[in-house]
């Protein structure tokens, strides 16, 4: 099995517009072959106050961030961590836009698109559940992910929640398999999230459809296409019959 490295990624910012606002927290949850292998968080000094509305969301005060490093000081570390991974982001355009602007301000040539591939879980959710709410809170409710302790947004906390949602949404996996934690704080957070520990030396069991199951699936899709006159799975089936 090839080593699939995914990073569930989130940021907190001082406001909405990346032309004037800054990233103040980056939270990452690393998955390898869909198993939890570690997390990473950076707090950043933005050299400005947060908008009142943003402060109500994340609670990261100017005083708390005053002694934190600036983005340019951590750019090499962040780039090394992200390079080559698939980023899993909810509403990716927002976070990617902010990260690219931070690279630009730091005088760096790198951009997220040159470092990583990006999967947007908002797009996945809208495709799977058309017309339904697709916020992270709504998806937590839909997939049974406990977010009852989430009084304030935090990049690492939201990345943990999104990781569970993503695994459930893309394969029915209901929990992260955590390796041994390096800190009591991380272990406590994992307990609150209902994340269980497991032996990561064992490969994740993958059950694939048999030939008969695939054939039955295609027959069912053909029936749906015939009845509806359209296909929601372009490329998997022939074009639907023309309606006269």
Protein backbone atom coordinates (compact mmCIF):
# COMPACT_ATOMS: atom_id res chain seq x y z
CA UNK A 1 0.00 0.00 0.00
CA UNK A 2 1.33 3.43 -0.92
CA UNK A 3 1.74 5.90 1.91
CA UNK A 4 -1.12 8.42 1.61
CA UNK A 5 -0.33 11.49 3.71
CA UNK A 6 -3.26 13.79 4.31
CA UNK A 7 -3.39 16.87 6.52
CA UNK A 8 -6.75 18.08 7.74
CA UNK A 9 -6.14 21.82 7.84
CA UNK A 10 -7.79 24.89 9.36
CA UNK A 11 -6.89 28.48 10.21
CA UNK A 12 -8.18 31.22 12.46
CA UNK A 13 -7.78 34.81 11.28
CA UNK A 14 -8.21 38.36 12.52
CA UNK A 15 -11.06 38.94 10.05
CA UNK A 16 -12.61 37.94 6.76
CA UNK A 17 -10.61 39.73 4.05
CA UNK A 18 -7.09 38.42 3.45
CA UNK A 19 -6.10 41.72 1.86
CA UNK A 20 -6.04 43.33 5.31
CA UNK A 21 -6.35 40.54 7.88
CA UNK A 22 -3.87 37.93 9.08
CA UNK A 23 -3.63 34.27 10.06
CA UNK A 24 -3.32 33.86 13.84
CA UNK A 25 -3.65 30.09 14.26
CA UNK A 26 -2.93 27.12 12.01
CA UNK A 27 -4.23 23.71 13.07
CA UNK A 28 -3.33 20.43 11.36
CA UNK A 29 -4.29 16.80 11.90
CA UNK A 30 -2.09 14.36 10.02
CA UNK A 31 -3.51 11.14 8.59
CA UNK A 32 -1.50 8.40 6.93
CA UNK A 33 -3.60 5.82 5.12
CA UNK A 34 -6.61 7.26 6.99
CA UNK A 35 -5.08 6.79 10.44
CA UNK A 36 -4.18 9.56 12.86
CA UNK A 37 -0.41 10.00 13.11
CA UNK A 38 -0.05 13.37 14.84
CA UNK A 39 -1.15 16.96 14.92
CA UNK A 40 0.44 20.38 14.76
CA UNK A 41 -0.59 23.87 15.80
CA UNK A 42 1.04 27.24 15.32
CA UNK A 43 -0.07 30.50 16.96
CA UNK A 44 1.04 33.62 15.12
CA UNK A 45 1.47 37.28 16.04
CA UNK A 46 -0.53 39.24 13.43
CA UNK A 47 0.74 42.71 14.45
CA UNK A 48 -2.85 43.90 14.55
CA UNK A 49 -6.06 43.46 16.52
CA UNK A 50 -8.80 41.05 15.51
CA UNK A 51 -12.09 42.45 14.34
CA UNK A 52 -14.67 42.26 17.15
CA UNK A 53 -16.73 39.70 15.23
CA UNK A 54 -13.71 37.47 14.63
CA UNK A 55 -12.64 37.75 18.27
CA UNK A 56 -16.06 36.51 19.37
CA UNK A 57 -15.54 33.45 17.18
CA UNK A 58 -12.01 32.41 18.18
CA UNK A 59 -11.28 34.25 21.44
CA UNK A 60 -7.59 34.75 20.62
CA UNK A 61 -6.76 38.15 22.08
CA UNK A 62 -4.05 40.55 20.98
CA UNK A 63 -2.41 40.13 24.40
CA UNK A 64 -2.29 36.33 24.04
CA UNK A 65 -0.72 36.57 20.57
CA UNK A 66 1.76 39.34 21.40
CA UNK A 67 4.68 37.03 22.22
CA UNK A 68 4.01 34.51 19.45
CA UNK A 69 6.29 34.31 16.37
CA UNK A 70 5.35 36.03 13.14
CA UNK A 71 4.49 34.03 10.05
CA UNK A 72 7.78 34.80 8.32
CA UNK A 73 9.71 33.32 11.24
CA UNK A 74 7.85 30.01 10.89
CA UNK A 75 7.53 29.90 7.10
CA UNK A 76 10.28 27.29 6.58
CA UNK A 77 8.80 25.01 9.25
CA UNK A 78 5.27 25.34 7.87
CA UNK A 79 6.41 24.70 4.30
CA UNK A 80 8.40 21.63 5.28
CA UNK A 81 5.42 20.22 7.18
CA UNK A 82 2.88 20.79 4.42
CA UNK A 83 4.95 19.94 1.35
CA UNK A 84 3.69 16.97 -0.64
CA UNK A 85 0.57 16.35 1.43
CA UNK A 86 -3.07 16.35 0.41
CA UNK A 87 -4.76 19.10 2.41
CA UNK A 88 -8.32 18.42 3.56
CA UNK A 89 -9.99 21.80 4.13
CA UNK A 90 -13.57 22.92 4.68
CA UNK A 91 -14.25 25.90 2.39
CA UNK A 92 -10.72 25.67 1.04
CA UNK A 93 -10.75 28.96 -0.87
CA UNK A 94 -10.80 30.90 2.40
CA UNK A 95 -7.83 29.18 4.08
CA UNK A 96 -5.79 28.85 0.88
CA UNK A 97 -6.31 32.53 0.11
CA UNK A 98 -5.09 33.54 3.56
CA UNK A 99 -2.08 31.21 3.45
CA UNK A 100 -1.03 32.40 0.01
CA UNK A 101 -1.28 36.02 1.16
CA UNK A 102 0.90 35.20 4.20
CA UNK A 103 3.53 33.62 1.94
CA UNK A 104 3.42 36.72 -0.23
CA UNK A 105 3.83 39.08 2.74
CA UNK A 106 6.78 37.02 3.97
CA UNK A 107 8.48 37.38 0.59
CA UNK A 108 8.19 33.67 -0.14
CA UNK A 109 7.57 32.28 -3.65
CA UNK A 110 5.68 29.24 -2.37
CA UNK A 111 1.90 28.96 -2.66
CA UNK A 112 -0.38 26.20 -1.41
CA UNK A 113 -0.91 24.93 -4.97
CA UNK A 114 2.86 24.48 -5.40
CA UNK A 115 3.18 22.60 -2.10
CA UNK A 116 0.08 20.43 -1.88
CA UNK A 117 -3.04 19.13 -3.47
CA UNK A 118 -6.28 20.35 -1.88
CA UNK A 119 -9.58 18.56 -1.24
CA UNK A 120 -12.48 20.78 -0.23
CA UNK A 121 -14.90 18.99 2.11
CA UNK A 122 -17.49 21.72 1.54
CA UNK A 123 -17.68 20.69 -2.12
CA UNK A 124 -17.92 17.01 -1.12
CA UNK A 125 -20.72 17.76 1.35
CA UNK A 126 -22.70 19.78 -1.19
CA UNK A 127 -22.36 16.99 -3.73
CA UNK A 128 -23.42 14.30 -1.25
CA UNK A 129 -26.20 16.33 0.38
CA UNK A 130 -27.54 18.81 -2.17
CA UNK A 131 -29.72 21.52 -0.70
CA UNK A 132 -28.72 20.67 2.88
CA UNK A 133 -26.67 22.71 5.34
CA UNK A 134 -22.97 22.05 4.87
CA UNK A 135 -21.32 23.92 7.75
CA UNK A 136 -18.93 21.98 9.96
CA UNK A 137 -21.49 22.06 12.79
CA UNK A 138 -24.20 20.71 10.48
CA UNK A 139 -21.93 17.92 9.24
CA UNK A 140 -20.94 16.99 12.79
CA UNK A 141 -24.65 16.55 13.56
CA UNK A 142 -25.28 14.59 10.36
CA UNK A 143 -22.38 12.18 10.95
CA UNK A 144 -22.71 11.86 14.72
CA UNK A 145 -19.46 13.67 15.60
CA UNK A 146 -19.66 15.16 19.10
CA UNK A 147 -18.94 18.88 19.04
CA UNK A 148 -20.86 19.76 22.20
CA UNK A 149 -17.72 21.18 23.86
CA UNK A 150 -17.07 23.60 20.97
CA UNK A 151 -17.86 26.96 22.57
CA UNK A 152 -15.21 28.82 20.56
CA UNK A 153 -13.69 28.02 17.19
CA UNK A 154 -10.06 26.91 17.20
CA UNK A 155 -8.01 25.80 14.23
CA UNK A 156 -6.75 22.58 15.81
CA UNK A 157 -10.09 21.73 17.39
CA UNK A 158 -11.93 22.34 14.14
CA UNK A 159 -9.35 20.28 12.23
CA UNK A 160 -9.96 17.38 14.62
CA UNK A 161 -13.71 17.62 14.12
CA UNK A 162 -13.30 17.89 10.37
CA UNK A 163 -11.01 14.85 10.32
CA UNK A 164 -13.74 12.73 11.89
CA UNK A 165 -16.38 14.15 9.56
CA UNK A 166 -14.15 13.58 6.52
CA UNK A 167 -13.46 9.95 7.42
CA UNK A 168 -17.17 9.28 8.00
CA UNK A 169 -18.20 11.13 4.85
CA UNK A 170 -15.73 9.36 2.56
CA UNK A 171 -15.75 5.82 3.86
CA UNK A 172 -17.85 5.24 6.95
CA UNK A 173 -14.88 5.26 9.31
CA UNK A 174 -16.36 6.61 12.55
CA UNK A 175 -13.27 7.45 14.60
CA UNK A 176 -9.63 8.35 14.32
CA UNK A 177 -7.10 5.73 15.41
CA UNK A 178 -4.87 7.76 17.69
CA UNK A 179 -1.29 6.85 18.36
CA UNK A 180 0.09 7.45 21.86
CA UNK A 181 -0.28 11.12 22.78
CA UNK A 182 2.73 13.24 23.66
CA UNK A 183 0.81 15.44 26.06
CA UNK A 184 -2.01 15.14 28.57
CA UNK A 185 -3.76 18.08 26.92
CA UNK A 186 -3.97 16.32 23.57
CA UNK A 187 -5.16 13.13 25.25
CA UNK A 188 -7.86 15.06 27.10
CA UNK A 189 -9.01 16.71 23.90
CA UNK A 190 -9.14 13.30 22.21
CA UNK A 191 -11.24 11.92 25.04
CA UNK A 192 -13.69 14.80 24.74
CA UNK A 193 -13.97 14.11 21.02
CA UNK A 194 -14.66 10.44 21.65
CA UNK A 195 -11.59 9.40 19.67
CA UNK A 196 -10.31 5.96 20.51
CA UNK A 197 -6.75 4.68 20.61
CA UNK A 198 -5.72 1.80 18.41
CA UNK A 199 -2.67 -0.11 17.31
CA UNK A 200 -1.43 1.79 14.27
CA UNK A 201 1.04 -0.96 13.42
CA UNK A 202 -1.91 -2.87 11.96
CA UNK A 203 -3.03 -1.87 8.47
CA UNK A 204 -6.48 -0.33 8.15
CA UNK A 205 -8.88 -3.02 6.97
CA UNK A 206 -10.35 -2.17 3.57
CA UNK A 207 -13.35 -4.16 2.33
CA UNK A 208 -13.78 -3.92 -1.44
CA UNK A 209 -16.90 -4.72 -3.43
CA UNK A 210 -16.98 -8.05 -5.24
CA UNK A 211 -17.54 -8.28 -9.01
CA UNK A 212 -21.15 -9.35 -8.38
CA UNK A 213 -21.72 -6.40 -6.03
CA UNK A 214 -20.27 -3.96 -8.57
CA UNK A 215 -22.46 -5.41 -11.30
CA UNK A 216 -25.56 -5.11 -9.09
CA UNK A 217 -24.58 -1.52 -8.26
CA UNK A 218 -24.28 -0.61 -11.95
CA UNK A 219 -27.61 -2.24 -12.73
CA UNK A 220 -29.23 -0.18 -9.99
CA UNK A 221 -27.67 3.03 -11.32
CA UNK A 222 -28.89 2.23 -14.84
CA UNK A 223 -32.42 1.81 -13.48
CA UNK A 224 -32.21 5.19 -11.72
CA UNK A 225 -30.90 6.86 -14.89
CA UNK A 226 -33.72 5.32 -16.95
CA UNK A 227 -36.37 6.55 -14.50
CA UNK A 228 -34.95 10.04 -13.97
CA UNK A 229 -33.55 10.73 -17.42
CA UNK A 230 -30.26 11.99 -16.00
CA UNK A 231 -27.14 10.70 -14.31
CA UNK A 232 -25.54 12.12 -11.17
CA UNK A 233 -22.45 10.01 -11.82
CA UNK A 234 -20.95 11.30 -15.07
CA UNK A 235 -18.35 9.00 -16.55
CA UNK A 236 -19.53 5.94 -14.64
CA UNK A 237 -22.51 5.19 -16.87
CA UNK A 238 -23.47 5.88 -20.49
CA UNK A 239 -25.35 9.11 -21.14
CA UNK A 240 -29.05 8.90 -20.22
CA UNK A 241 -31.50 8.31 -23.05
CA UNK A 242 -32.82 11.39 -24.80
CA UNK A 243 -36.31 12.45 -23.79
CA UNK A 244 -38.63 12.99 -26.80
